[in-house]
């Protein structure tokens, strides 16, 4: 690998890392900017759906893995996600996949 290729590789990794960090920060900011009642309504709706689809059916519907991962990541952004919420999210992380 020549110097130019290595430089482009490092530059690409840096740009990708920056984008991922920015995207995570942007999502958290969007949640934090919701008014209290609106944020609570979104949180309650999301966690209810998460419980029904991801927790109650865990291990039976592999087609929902990506959906559940996305919802878990989204729920972690809410200040309302307390200790019991985090324990619920951790249950899904522990479910073995094939």
Protein backbone atom coordinates (compact mmCIF):
# COMPACT_ATOMS: atom_id res chain seq x y z
CA UNK A 1 0.00 0.00 0.00
CA UNK A 2 1.53 3.30 -1.02
CA UNK A 3 1.41 6.51 1.00
CA UNK A 4 -1.38 8.08 -1.03
CA UNK A 5 -3.62 5.02 -0.62
CA UNK A 6 -2.95 4.92 3.13
CA UNK A 7 -3.74 8.64 3.41
CA UNK A 8 -7.03 8.23 1.54
CA UNK A 9 -7.92 5.23 3.69
CA UNK A 10 -7.28 7.16 6.95
CA UNK A 11 -9.13 10.20 5.60
CA UNK A 12 -12.13 8.05 4.66
CA UNK A 13 -12.21 6.41 8.09
CA UNK A 14 -12.05 9.82 9.74
CA UNK A 15 -14.89 11.16 7.62
CA UNK A 16 -17.04 8.10 8.28
CA UNK A 17 -16.39 8.29 12.03
CA UNK A 18 -17.28 11.97 12.08
CA UNK A 19 -20.51 11.34 10.19
CA UNK A 20 -21.55 8.54 12.56
CA UNK A 21 -20.87 10.71 15.61
CA UNK A 22 -22.72 13.67 14.09
CA UNK A 23 -25.71 11.51 13.17
CA UNK A 24 -25.96 10.14 16.73
CA UNK A 25 -25.71 13.64 18.17
CA UNK A 26 -28.34 14.93 15.74
CA UNK A 27 -30.81 12.19 16.71
CA UNK A 28 -30.29 12.89 20.42
CA UNK A 29 -30.78 16.63 19.84
CA UNK A 30 -34.04 16.00 17.99
CA UNK A 31 -35.38 13.96 20.92
CA UNK A 32 -34.24 16.54 23.47
CA UNK A 33 -35.92 19.35 21.53
CA UNK A 34 -39.34 17.71 21.71
CA UNK A 35 -41.65 19.35 24.24
CA UNK A 36 -42.18 17.27 27.40
CA UNK A 37 -45.68 15.91 26.59
CA UNK A 38 -44.76 15.24 22.95
CA UNK A 39 -41.53 13.48 23.93
CA UNK A 40 -43.38 11.39 26.50
CA UNK A 41 -46.01 10.39 23.92
CA UNK A 42 -43.33 9.33 21.42
CA UNK A 43 -41.43 7.44 24.14
CA UNK A 44 -44.52 5.60 25.40
CA UNK A 45 -45.61 4.67 21.89
CA UNK A 46 -42.14 3.46 20.97
CA UNK A 47 -41.59 1.42 24.12
CA UNK A 48 -45.04 -0.16 23.84
CA UNK A 49 -44.33 -1.26 20.28
CA UNK A 50 -40.84 -2.41 21.30
CA UNK A 51 -42.29 -4.60 24.07
CA UNK A 52 -44.90 -6.15 21.77
CA UNK A 53 -42.64 -6.81 18.80
CA UNK A 54 -39.18 -7.24 20.29
CA UNK A 55 -39.60 -8.48 23.86
CA UNK A 56 -42.77 -10.57 23.82
CA UNK A 57 -41.77 -12.25 20.57
CA UNK A 58 -38.00 -12.44 21.20
CA UNK A 59 -36.31 -15.35 19.53
CA UNK A 60 -39.27 -16.17 17.28
CA UNK A 61 -39.11 -13.50 14.58
CA UNK A 62 -35.63 -13.09 13.20
CA UNK A 63 -37.02 -10.77 10.52
CA UNK A 64 -37.52 -8.10 13.18
CA UNK A 65 -33.90 -8.05 14.40
CA UNK A 66 -32.94 -4.88 12.53
CA UNK A 67 -36.19 -3.15 13.54
CA UNK A 68 -35.63 -4.08 17.19
CA UNK A 69 -32.02 -2.90 17.09
CA UNK A 70 -33.13 0.44 15.64
CA UNK A 71 -35.90 0.87 18.20
CA UNK A 72 -33.54 -0.06 21.05
CA UNK A 73 -31.04 2.57 19.89
CA UNK A 74 -33.85 5.13 19.56
CA UNK A 75 -35.22 4.43 23.06
CA UNK A 76 -31.78 4.93 24.59
CA UNK A 77 -31.93 8.58 23.44
CA UNK A 78 -34.87 9.42 25.73
CA UNK A 79 -34.27 10.82 29.22
CA UNK A 80 -37.41 8.87 30.19
CA UNK A 81 -35.54 5.61 29.59
CA UNK A 82 -34.80 4.85 33.23
CA UNK A 83 -33.22 1.82 34.88
CA UNK A 84 -36.15 -0.51 34.15
CA UNK A 85 -36.15 0.65 30.52
CA UNK A 86 -32.43 -0.03 30.21
CA UNK A 87 -32.92 -3.52 31.72
CA UNK A 88 -35.63 -4.18 29.15
CA UNK A 89 -33.35 -3.07 26.33
CA UNK A 90 -30.54 -5.23 27.69
CA UNK A 91 -32.78 -8.32 27.50
CA UNK A 92 -32.91 -8.01 23.73
CA UNK A 93 -29.13 -7.65 23.50
CA UNK A 94 -28.76 -10.94 25.35
CA UNK A 95 -31.00 -12.95 23.04
CA UNK A 96 -28.75 -15.22 21.00
CA UNK A 97 -29.04 -15.15 17.23
CA UNK A 98 -28.40 -17.98 14.79
